[in-house]
Every structure is written in structure tokens, then in C-alpha cells.
N, C-alpha and C. Protein backbone atom coordinates (compact mmCIF):
# COMPACT_ATOMS: atom_id res chain seq x y z
N MET A 1 0.83 -1.19 0.00
CA MET A 1 0.00 0.00 0.00
C MET A 1 0.87 1.25 0.00
N THR A 2 1.90 1.26 0.79
CA THR A 2 2.79 2.42 0.86
C THR A 2 3.52 2.63 -0.45
N ILE A 3 3.91 1.55 -1.10
CA ILE A 3 4.64 1.67 -2.36
C ILE A 3 3.78 2.34 -3.42
N SER A 4 2.53 1.92 -3.56
CA SER A 4 1.66 2.54 -4.57
C SER A 4 1.38 4.00 -4.22
N PHE A 5 1.27 4.30 -2.92
CA PHE A 5 1.06 5.68 -2.50
C PHE A 5 2.28 6.53 -2.84
N ASP A 6 3.48 5.99 -2.61
CA ASP A 6 4.71 6.71 -2.93
C ASP A 6 4.83 6.94 -4.44
N ILE A 7 4.45 5.95 -5.23
CA ILE A 7 4.50 6.09 -6.69
C ILE A 7 3.52 7.16 -7.14
N GLN A 8 2.32 7.15 -6.56
CA GLN A 8 1.33 8.16 -6.92
C GLN A 8 1.81 9.56 -6.55
N ASN A 9 2.41 9.70 -5.36
CA ASN A 9 2.93 11.01 -4.96
C ASN A 9 4.08 11.43 -5.86
N SER A 10 4.92 10.49 -6.24
CA SER A 10 6.04 10.78 -7.12
C SER A 10 5.54 11.25 -8.48
N MET A 11 4.55 10.56 -9.04
CA MET A 11 4.00 10.95 -10.33
C MET A 11 3.31 12.31 -10.24
N LYS A 12 2.62 12.56 -9.12
CA LYS A 12 1.96 13.85 -8.94
C LYS A 12 3.01 14.96 -8.90
N SER A 13 4.11 14.71 -8.22
CA SER A 13 5.19 15.68 -8.15
C SER A 13 5.80 15.90 -9.53
N ILE A 14 5.99 14.83 -10.28
CA ILE A 14 6.53 14.95 -11.64
C ILE A 14 5.58 15.75 -12.52
N ASP A 15 4.28 15.46 -12.42
CA ASP A 15 3.29 16.20 -13.21
C ASP A 15 3.31 17.70 -12.86
N GLU A 16 3.46 18.01 -11.58
CA GLU A 16 3.54 19.41 -11.16
C GLU A 16 4.79 20.07 -11.73
N GLN A 17 5.90 19.36 -11.74
CA GLN A 17 7.13 19.90 -12.28
C GLN A 17 7.03 20.10 -13.79
N ILE A 18 6.35 19.19 -14.47
CA ILE A 18 6.14 19.33 -15.91
C ILE A 18 5.31 20.59 -16.19
N LEU A 19 4.24 20.78 -15.45
CA LEU A 19 3.40 21.96 -15.62
C LEU A 19 4.19 23.23 -15.34
N ARG A 20 4.95 23.24 -14.26
CA ARG A 20 5.76 24.40 -13.90
C ARG A 20 6.79 24.72 -14.99
N THR A 21 7.42 23.68 -15.52
CA THR A 21 8.42 23.87 -16.57
C THR A 21 7.79 24.45 -17.83
N ALA A 22 6.65 23.91 -18.22
CA ALA A 22 5.97 24.42 -19.41
C ALA A 22 5.59 25.90 -19.22
N LYS A 23 5.11 26.24 -18.03
CA LYS A 23 4.76 27.63 -17.75
C LYS A 23 5.99 28.54 -17.81
N GLU A 24 7.11 28.07 -17.28
CA GLU A 24 8.34 28.87 -17.31
C GLU A 24 8.82 29.08 -18.74
N ILE A 25 8.68 28.08 -19.58
CA ILE A 25 9.08 28.21 -20.99
C ILE A 25 8.21 29.25 -21.68
N ILE A 26 6.91 29.20 -21.43
CA ILE A 26 5.98 30.19 -22.01
C ILE A 26 6.38 31.60 -21.58
N VAL A 27 6.65 31.77 -20.30
CA VAL A 27 7.03 33.09 -19.78
C VAL A 27 8.30 33.59 -20.46
N LYS A 28 9.29 32.71 -20.59
CA LYS A 28 10.55 33.09 -21.25
C LYS A 28 10.31 33.48 -22.70
N PHE A 29 9.48 32.72 -23.40
CA PHE A 29 9.18 33.05 -24.80
C PHE A 29 8.50 34.41 -24.91
N ILE A 30 7.60 34.72 -24.00
CA ILE A 30 6.93 36.02 -24.01
C ILE A 30 7.94 37.12 -23.73
N GLU A 31 8.81 36.91 -22.72
CA GLU A 31 9.82 37.91 -22.38
C GLU A 31 10.77 38.18 -23.55
N MET A 32 11.09 37.15 -24.30
CA MET A 32 12.01 37.29 -25.43
C MET A 32 11.33 37.81 -26.69
N GLY A 33 10.00 37.92 -26.66
CA GLY A 33 9.27 38.41 -27.80
C GLY A 33 9.00 37.35 -28.86
N ARG A 34 9.25 36.10 -28.53
CA ARG A 34 9.03 35.02 -29.50
C ARG A 34 7.58 34.52 -29.49
N LEU A 35 6.81 34.97 -28.52
CA LEU A 35 5.43 34.53 -28.36
C LEU A 35 4.61 35.70 -27.87
N SER A 36 3.42 35.86 -28.44
CA SER A 36 2.55 36.93 -27.96
C SER A 36 1.46 36.33 -27.09
N PRO A 37 0.97 37.11 -26.16
CA PRO A 37 -0.08 36.62 -25.27
C PRO A 37 -1.34 36.13 -25.99
N SER A 38 -1.56 36.58 -27.22
CA SER A 38 -2.77 36.19 -27.94
C SER A 38 -2.75 34.74 -28.41
N ASN A 39 -1.57 34.14 -28.51
CA ASN A 39 -1.53 32.74 -28.96
C ASN A 39 -0.90 31.80 -27.93
N ILE A 40 -1.04 32.15 -26.67
CA ILE A 40 -0.50 31.32 -25.59
C ILE A 40 -1.18 29.95 -25.55
N HIS A 41 -2.48 29.92 -25.73
CA HIS A 41 -3.24 28.68 -25.56
C HIS A 41 -2.68 27.54 -26.42
N GLU A 42 -2.54 27.78 -27.69
CA GLU A 42 -2.06 26.73 -28.60
C GLU A 42 -0.60 26.40 -28.32
N SER A 43 0.20 27.41 -28.09
CA SER A 43 1.63 27.19 -27.81
C SER A 43 1.81 26.42 -26.51
N PHE A 44 1.03 26.75 -25.50
CA PHE A 44 1.17 26.07 -24.21
C PHE A 44 0.87 24.57 -24.36
N LYS A 45 -0.17 24.23 -25.11
CA LYS A 45 -0.50 22.82 -25.31
C LYS A 45 0.65 22.07 -25.96
N ASP A 46 1.26 22.68 -26.96
CA ASP A 46 2.38 22.05 -27.66
C ASP A 46 3.60 21.90 -26.75
N ILE A 47 3.92 22.96 -26.02
CA ILE A 47 5.09 22.91 -25.13
C ILE A 47 4.85 21.92 -24.00
N TYR A 48 3.66 21.94 -23.41
CA TYR A 48 3.36 21.00 -22.33
C TYR A 48 3.47 19.55 -22.84
N ALA A 49 2.92 19.27 -23.99
CA ALA A 49 2.97 17.91 -24.54
C ALA A 49 4.41 17.47 -24.78
N THR A 50 5.24 18.36 -25.28
CA THR A 50 6.64 18.02 -25.55
C THR A 50 7.40 17.76 -24.26
N VAL A 51 7.23 18.62 -23.27
CA VAL A 51 7.90 18.43 -21.98
C VAL A 51 7.39 17.15 -21.32
N ASN A 52 6.10 16.93 -21.34
CA ASN A 52 5.50 15.74 -20.74
C ASN A 52 6.05 14.46 -21.37
N GLU A 53 6.06 14.42 -22.69
CA GLU A 53 6.55 13.24 -23.40
C GLU A 53 8.03 12.98 -23.09
N THR A 54 8.82 14.03 -23.08
CA THR A 54 10.25 13.90 -22.82
C THR A 54 10.51 13.38 -21.41
N VAL A 55 9.82 13.94 -20.45
CA VAL A 55 10.02 13.53 -19.05
C VAL A 55 9.54 12.11 -18.83
N LYS A 56 8.36 11.79 -19.35
CA LYS A 56 7.81 10.45 -19.13
C LYS A 56 8.68 9.37 -19.77
N LYS A 57 9.30 9.67 -20.92
CA LYS A 57 10.21 8.71 -21.54
C LYS A 57 11.45 8.52 -20.67
N ALA A 58 11.92 9.60 -20.09
CA ALA A 58 13.12 9.52 -19.25
C ALA A 58 12.83 8.82 -17.93
N VAL A 59 11.63 8.99 -17.40
CA VAL A 59 11.27 8.40 -16.12
C VAL A 59 11.00 6.90 -16.24
N SER A 60 10.45 6.46 -17.36
CA SER A 60 10.12 5.05 -17.52
C SER A 60 10.90 4.44 -18.69
N PRO A 61 12.19 4.18 -18.48
CA PRO A 61 13.01 3.64 -19.57
C PRO A 61 12.67 2.21 -19.94
N GLU A 62 11.86 1.53 -19.12
CA GLU A 62 11.48 0.15 -19.45
C GLU A 62 10.49 0.05 -20.60
N ALA A 63 9.94 1.19 -20.99
CA ALA A 63 9.01 1.21 -22.12
C ALA A 63 9.78 0.88 -23.39
N PRO A 64 9.15 0.15 -24.31
CA PRO A 64 9.84 -0.21 -25.55
C PRO A 64 10.09 1.03 -26.40
N PRO A 65 11.19 1.05 -27.14
CA PRO A 65 11.48 2.21 -27.98
C PRO A 65 10.47 2.35 -29.10
N ASP A 66 10.29 3.57 -29.58
CA ASP A 66 9.32 3.84 -30.64
C ASP A 66 9.75 3.29 -31.98
N ASP A 67 11.04 3.37 -32.27
CA ASP A 67 11.50 2.91 -33.58
C ASP A 67 11.62 1.41 -33.59
N LYS A 68 11.10 0.82 -34.66
CA LYS A 68 11.10 -0.64 -34.82
C LYS A 68 12.19 -1.04 -35.77
N GLN A 69 12.94 -2.05 -35.39
CA GLN A 69 13.98 -2.55 -36.27
C GLN A 69 13.54 -3.91 -36.78
N ASP A 70 13.54 -4.06 -38.09
CA ASP A 70 13.11 -5.33 -38.71
C ASP A 70 14.28 -6.24 -38.94
């Protein structure tokens, strides 16, 4: 029971860090003038998805690789 609780807390913490990182990237892009506030919504979804995918791949290396070798 404790192990599953620890895993859930760990994943929740990772999800919070992913969200925080995506937000920080958006803020930096706005500060640098590479992104305007009018198109944050679409950009945030893309940045969040990229950060999420990258982190989840790094956290669970036991997952099979995407590229298939015949």
C-alpha cells in the first residue's frame, strides 16, 4: 500500500514539475518576444505535450522504444 502511495505522490510531483516547466518556458518566450499573449493557448498545449513526453520517456526507460527494427 505504501509503495503505490509513494509512486502516486512521485507521479503527482513529476506532473507538477512538468506543468511548472511548461509555464516557465511560455514566460521566457513572451519575455524574449518570440510569443505573444494572444496565442499562448495553442503554444502552451504544444510545449506541455513536448515536456510531458520527454520527461515520461526519461522516467520510464522500461518502455519499448518507438522505432522498430526489422
